[in-house]
Amino acid sequence: MTSSPSHRIATRDDLPAIVAIYNETIPSRMVTADLEPVSVESRIAWFEAHAPDRHPMWVAERDGEVAAWLSYSKFHPRAAYDGTAEISLYVGSRFHRAGLGGRLLAEAIDAAPGLGFHTLVGLVFGHNAPSLALFERFGFARWGHMPRVAILDGVDRDLVFLGRRITG
């Protein structure tokens, strides 16, 4: 029996699962610009930068297993950008097309004003049609296009900036 997914604030104990989900996306060359797997140790400071009251990281669980994660990250260090957060969303391969990404993204949009965010952005490779479609389904628009800024296995790849104004 499969339980319905739930989400919660990520804890340090979740970091190995978060890293495992992230690392499984690397070979696809669709989701991240990292070319080699990262270690749990290398991600500790990054994880700790996600303060639950300001830039939380959530995990979605299914049957007691971390199945997906979403984080709000600081968009830019200058103070005028404090109301904007970058959203990152990763779903474990066993849980693709189960609705977890959409559920987490919808909840992130709803929670944004309470965290002090008026704008959310996502950075997605131009060839990642599923992620582009997901963000666009939730009201994100294409705000920018950076052609050929990444090289993945000798192939030039575009980066698309997606954004959604939440308040105001």
C-alpha atoms as a PDB file:
ATOM      1  CA  MET A   1       0.000   0.000   0.000  1.00  0.00           C
ATOM      2  CA  THR A   2       1.336   3.412  -0.947  1.00  0.00           C
ATOM      3  CA  SER A   3       0.676   6.294   1.407  1.00  0.00           C
ATOM      4  CA  SER A   4      -0.047   9.756   0.112  1.00  0.00           C
ATOM      5  CA  PRO A   5       2.992  11.992   0.218  1.00  0.00           C
ATOM      6  CA  SER A   6       3.586  14.543   2.923  1.00  0.00           C
ATOM      7  CA  HIS A   7       6.178  17.271   3.176  1.00  0.00           C
ATOM      8  CA  ARG A   8       8.119  18.681   6.090  1.00  0.00           C
ATOM      9  CA  ILE A   9      11.173  20.806   6.842  1.00  0.00           C
ATOM     10  CA  ALA A  10      14.328  18.860   5.966  1.00  0.00           C
ATOM     11  CA  THR A  11      16.661  17.881   8.782  1.00  0.00           C
ATOM     12  CA  ARG A  12      20.345  17.106   8.704  1.00  0.00           C
ATOM     13  CA  ASP A  13      19.403  13.402   8.808  1.00  0.00           C
ATOM     14  CA  ASP A  14      17.745  13.879   5.396  1.00  0.00           C
ATOM     15  CA  LEU A  15      20.911  15.165   3.750  1.00  0.00           C
ATOM     16  CA  PRO A  16      22.097  11.752   2.453  1.00  0.00           C
ATOM     17  CA  ALA A  17      18.732  11.205   0.736  1.00  0.00           C
ATOM     18  CA  ILE A  18      18.700  14.776  -0.625  1.00  0.00           C
ATOM     19  CA  VAL A  19      22.193  14.284  -2.057  1.00  0.00           C
ATOM     20  CA  ALA A  20      21.267  10.878  -3.500  1.00  0.00           C
ATOM     21  CA  ILE A  21      18.281  12.361  -5.345  1.00  0.00           C
ATOM     22  CA  TYR A  22      20.447  15.211  -6.614  1.00  0.00           C
ATOM     23  CA  ASN A  23      23.240  12.881  -7.735  1.00  0.00           C
ATOM     24  CA  GLU A  24      20.887  10.624  -9.666  1.00  0.00           C
ATOM     25  CA  THR A  25      19.951  13.591 -11.877  1.00  0.00           C
ATOM     26  CA  ILE A  26      23.526  14.369 -12.922  1.00  0.00           C
ATOM     27  CA  PRO A  27      23.938  11.697 -15.652  1.00  0.00           C
ATOM     28  CA  SER A  28      20.777  12.871 -17.441  1.00  0.00           C
ATOM     29  CA  ARG A  29      22.398  16.256 -18.205  1.00  0.00           C
ATOM     30  CA  MET A  30      18.891  17.714 -17.955  1.00  0.00           C
ATOM     31  CA  VAL A  31      18.697  19.134 -14.452  1.00  0.00           C
ATOM     32  CA  THR A  32      22.001  20.367 -13.049  1.00  0.00           C
ATOM     33  CA  ALA A  33      25.259  21.790 -14.315  1.00  0.00           C
ATOM     34  CA  ASP A  34      27.253  19.566 -11.965  1.00  0.00           C
ATOM     35  CA  LEU A  35      29.088  16.995 -14.034  1.00  0.00           C
ATOM     36  CA  GLU A  36      30.193  14.669 -11.226  1.00  0.00           C
ATOM     37  CA  PRO A  37      28.368  13.451  -8.110  1.00  0.00           C
ATOM     38  CA  VAL A  38      28.624  15.581  -4.982  1.00  0.00           C
ATOM     39  CA  SER A  39      29.314  14.255  -1.505  1.00  0.00           C
ATOM     40  CA  VAL A  40      27.194  14.694   1.579  1.00  0.00           C
ATOM     41  CA  GLU A  41      30.140  16.425   3.246  1.00  0.00           C
ATOM     42  CA  SER A  42      30.438  18.944   0.410  1.00  0.00           C
ATOM     43  CA  ARG A  43      26.774  19.906   0.836  1.00  0.00           C
ATOM     44  CA  ILE A  44      26.703  20.541   4.597  1.00  0.00           C
ATOM     45  CA  ALA A  45      27.280  24.315   4.411  1.00  0.00           C
ATOM     46  CA  TRP A  46      24.750  24.586   1.559  1.00  0.00           C
ATOM     47  CA  PHE A  47      22.188  22.679   3.622  1.00  0.00           C
ATOM     48  CA  GLU A  48      22.824  24.804   6.698  1.00  0.00           C
ATOM     49  CA  ALA A  49      22.257  27.975   4.650  1.00  0.00           C
ATOM     50  CA  HIS A  50      18.604  26.942   4.303  1.00  0.00           C
ATOM     51  CA  ALA A  51      17.205  28.425   7.516  1.00  0.00           C
ATOM     52  CA  PRO A  52      13.683  27.038   8.051  1.00  0.00           C
ATOM     53  CA  ASP A  53      12.255  30.474   8.832  1.00  0.00           C
ATOM     54  CA  ARG A  54      13.640  32.207   5.744  1.00  0.00           C
ATOM     55  CA  HIS A  55      14.991  29.853   3.051  1.00  0.00           C
ATOM     56  CA  PRO A  56      13.559  26.482   4.024  1.00  0.00           C
ATOM     57  CA  MET A  57      14.246  23.161   2.427  1.00  0.00           C
ATOM     58  CA  TRP A  58      11.395  20.694   2.373  1.00  0.00           C
ATOM     59  CA  VAL A  59      11.372  16.980   1.754  1.00  0.00           C
ATOM     60  CA  ALA A  60       8.381  15.031   0.485  1.00  0.00           C
ATOM     61  CA  GLU A  61       8.049  11.536   1.808  1.00  0.00           C
ATOM     62  CA  ARG A  62       6.202   8.565   0.478  1.00  0.00           C
ATOM     63  CA  ASP A  63       6.003   5.413   2.586  1.00  0.00           C
ATOM     64  CA  GLY A  64       8.598   6.831   4.960  1.00  0.00           C
ATOM     65  CA  GLU A  65      11.139   7.446   2.179  1.00  0.00           C
ATOM     66  CA  VAL A  66      12.376  10.848   1.036  1.00  0.00           C
ATOM     67  CA  ALA A  67      11.004  10.994  -2.501  1.00  0.00           C
ATOM     68  CA  ALA A  68      11.592  14.648  -3.453  1.00  0.00           C
ATOM     69  CA  TRP A  69      12.915  17.926  -2.120  1.00  0.00           C
ATOM     70  CA  LEU A  70      12.395  21.620  -2.706  1.00  0.00           C
ATOM     71  CA  SER A  71      14.459  24.534  -1.501  1.00  0.00           C
ATOM     72  CA  TYR A  72      14.127  28.285  -1.423  1.00  0.00           C
ATOM     73  CA  SER A  73      17.539  29.884  -1.910  1.00  0.00           C
ATOM     74  CA  LYS A  74      18.781  33.439  -1.715  1.00  0.00           C
ATOM     75  CA  PHE A  75      18.506  34.866  -5.213  1.00  0.00           C
ATOM     76  CA  HIS A  76      21.162  37.559  -4.836  1.00  0.00           C
ATOM     77  CA  PRO A  77      23.212  38.858  -1.900  1.00  0.00           C
ATOM     78  CA  ARG A  78      22.179  42.511  -2.273  1.00  0.00           C
ATOM     79  CA  ALA A  79      19.387  43.593   0.091  1.00  0.00           C
ATOM     80  CA  ALA A  80      16.990  44.864  -2.565  1.00  0.00           C
ATOM     81  CA  TYR A  81      16.572  41.263  -3.759  1.00  0.00           C
ATOM     82  CA  ASP A  82      15.603  39.865  -0.346  1.00  0.00           C
ATOM     83  CA  GLY A  83      11.976  39.469  -1.464  1.00  0.00           C
ATOM     84  CA  THR A  84      12.982  37.144  -4.302  1.00  0.00           C
ATOM     85  CA  ALA A  85      13.847  33.482  -3.847  1.00  0.00           C
ATOM     86  CA  GLU A  86      15.146  30.877  -6.245  1.00  0.00           C
ATOM     87  CA  ILE A  87      13.197  27.619  -6.154  1.00  0.00           C
ATOM     88  CA  SER A  88      15.004  24.325  -6.721  1.00  0.00           C
ATOM     89  CA  LEU A  89      12.979  21.136  -7.069  1.00  0.00           C
ATOM     90  CA  TYR A  90      14.250  17.576  -7.391  1.00  0.00           C
ATOM     91  CA  VAL A  91      12.184  14.387  -7.541  1.00  0.00           C
ATOM     92  CA  GLY A  92      13.669  10.924  -7.101  1.00  0.00           C
ATOM     93  CA  SER A  93      13.527   8.904 -10.316  1.00  0.00           C
ATOM     94  CA  ARG A  94      11.274   6.241  -8.779  1.00  0.00           C
ATOM     95  CA  PHE A  95       8.700   8.952  -8.079  1.00  0.00           C
ATOM     96  CA  HIS A  96       8.612  10.793 -11.415  1.00  0.00           C
ATOM     97  CA  ARG A  97       5.136  11.508 -12.750  1.00  0.00           C
ATOM     98  CA  ALA A  98       3.545  10.870  -9.342  1.00  0.00           C
ATOM     99  CA  GLY A  99       2.532  14.498  -8.815  1.00  0.00           C
ATOM    100  CA  LEU A 100       5.139  15.249  -6.154  1.00  0.00           C
ATOM    101  CA  GLY A 101       6.808  18.066  -8.082  1.00  0.00           C
ATOM    102  CA  GLY A 102       3.517  19.840  -8.693  1.00  0.00           C
ATOM    103  CA  ARG A 103       2.389  19.405  -5.117  1.00  0.00           C
ATOM    104  CA  LEU A 104       5.646  20.801  -3.719  1.00  0.00           C
ATOM    105  CA  LEU A 105       5.693  23.690  -6.183  1.00  0.00           C
ATOM    106  CA  ALA A 106       2.087  24.636  -5.364  1.00  0.00           C
ATOM    107  CA  GLU A 107       2.826  24.561  -1.640  1.00  0.00           C
ATOM    108  CA  ALA A 108       5.992  26.627  -2.173  1.00  0.00           C
ATOM    109  CA  ILE A 109       3.993  29.286  -4.007  1.00  0.00           C
ATOM    110  CA  ASP A 110       1.393  29.357  -1.242  1.00  0.00           C
ATOM    111  CA  ALA A 111       4.051  29.610   1.496  1.00  0.00           C
ATOM    112  CA  ALA A 112       6.123  32.319  -0.222  1.00  0.00           C
ATOM    113  CA  PRO A 113       4.353  35.414   1.186  1.00  0.00           C
ATOM    114  CA  GLY A 114       4.648  34.093   4.734  1.00  0.00           C
ATOM    115  CA  LEU A 115       8.394  33.771   4.214  1.00  0.00           C
ATOM    116  CA  GLY A 116       8.597  37.348   2.960  1.00  0.00           C
ATOM    117  CA  PHE A 117       8.855  36.553  -0.751  1.00  0.00           C
ATOM    118  CA  HIS A 118       7.004  38.501  -3.419  1.00  0.00           C
ATOM    119  CA  THR A 119       8.778  36.842  -6.348  1.00  0.00           C
ATOM    120  CA  LEU A 120       9.954  33.313  -7.098  1.00  0.00           C
ATOM    121  CA  VAL A 121      12.386  32.352  -9.845  1.00  0.00           C
ATOM    122  CA  GLY A 122      13.585  29.082 -11.272  1.00  0.00           C
ATOM    123  CA  LEU A 123      16.569  28.392 -13.508  1.00  0.00           C
ATOM    124  CA  VAL A 124      15.954  25.534 -15.920  1.00  0.00           C
ATOM    125  CA  PHE A 125      17.938  24.202 -18.859  1.00  0.00           C
ATOM    126  CA  GLY A 126      16.222  25.013 -22.154  1.00  0.00           C
ATOM    127  CA  HIS A 127      16.189  21.348 -23.168  1.00  0.00           C
ATOM    128  CA  ASN A 128      14.433  20.263 -19.940  1.00  0.00           C
ATOM    129  CA  ALA A 129      10.917  20.335 -21.366  1.00  0.00           C
ATOM    130  CA  PRO A 130       9.254  18.536 -18.410  1.00  0.00           C
ATOM    131  CA  SER A 131      10.565  21.048 -15.856  1.00  0.00           C
ATOM    132  CA  LEU A 132       9.759  24.027 -18.069  1.00  0.00           C
ATOM    133  CA  ALA A 133       6.206  22.715 -18.492  1.00  0.00           C
ATOM    134  CA  LEU A 134       5.820  22.138 -14.745  1.00  0.00           C
ATOM    135  CA  PHE A 135       6.851  25.669 -13.813  1.00  0.00           C
ATOM    136  CA  GLU A 136       4.746  27.185 -16.585  1.00  0.00           C
ATOM    137  CA  ARG A 137       1.724  25.135 -15.453  1.00  0.00           C
ATOM    138  CA  PHE A 138       2.044  26.895 -12.087  1.00  0.00           C
ATOM    139  CA  GLY A 139       2.076  30.382 -13.552  1.00  0.00           C
ATOM    140  CA  PHE A 140       5.788  30.956 -14.057  1.00  0.00           C
ATOM    141  CA  ALA A 141       6.684  32.864 -17.219  1.00  0.00           C
ATOM    142  CA  ARG A 142       9.899  32.879 -19.199  1.00  0.00           C
ATOM    143  CA  TRP A 143      11.660  36.027 -18.013  1.00  0.00           C
ATOM    144  CA  GLY A 144      15.040  35.412 -19.552  1.00  0.00           C
ATOM    145  CA  HIS A 145      16.994  33.220 -21.916  1.00  0.00           C
ATOM    146  CA  MET A 146      20.738  32.754 -21.798  1.00  0.00           C
ATOM    147  CA  PRO A 147      21.819  30.905 -24.929  1.00  0.00           C
ATOM    148  CA  ARG A 148      24.674  28.398 -24.838  1.00  0.00           C
ATOM    149  CA  VAL A 149      25.911  29.272 -21.327  1.00  0.00           C
ATOM    150  CA  ALA A 150      26.546  25.669 -20.241  1.00  0.00           C
ATOM    151  CA  ILE A 151      28.481  22.929 -21.961  1.00  0.00           C
ATOM    152  CA  LEU A 152      27.346  19.420 -21.080  1.00  0.00           C
ATOM    153  CA  ASP A 153      29.390  16.644 -22.651  1.00  0.00           C
ATOM    154  CA  GLY A 154      30.445  18.946 -25.481  1.00  0.00           C
ATOM    155  CA  VAL A 155      26.911  20.185 -26.171  1.00  0.00           C
ATOM    156  CA  ASP A 156      26.063  23.871 -25.683  1.00  0.00           C
ATOM    157  CA  ARG A 157      22.966  24.295 -23.526  1.00  0.00           C
ATOM    158  CA  ASP A 158      20.671  27.248 -22.872  1.00  0.00           C
ATOM    159  CA  LEU A 159      19.448  28.393 -19.483  1.00  0.00           C
ATOM    160  CA  VAL A 160      15.901  29.717 -19.078  1.00  0.00           C
ATOM    161  CA  PHE A 161      14.969  32.060 -16.227  1.00  0.00           C
ATOM    162  CA  LEU A 162      11.384  31.514 -15.126  1.00  0.00           C
ATOM    163  CA  GLY A 163       9.648  33.863 -12.726  1.00  0.00           C
ATOM    164  CA  ARG A 164       6.396  34.412 -10.950  1.00  0.00           C
ATOM    165  CA  ARG A 165       5.305  37.453  -9.020  1.00  0.00           C
ATOM    166  CA  ILE A 166       3.473  36.246  -5.913  1.00  0.00           C
ATOM    167  CA  THR A 167       2.305  39.489  -4.321  1.00  0.00           C
ATOM    168  CA  GLY A 168       1.974  43.091  -5.393  1.00  0.00           C
END
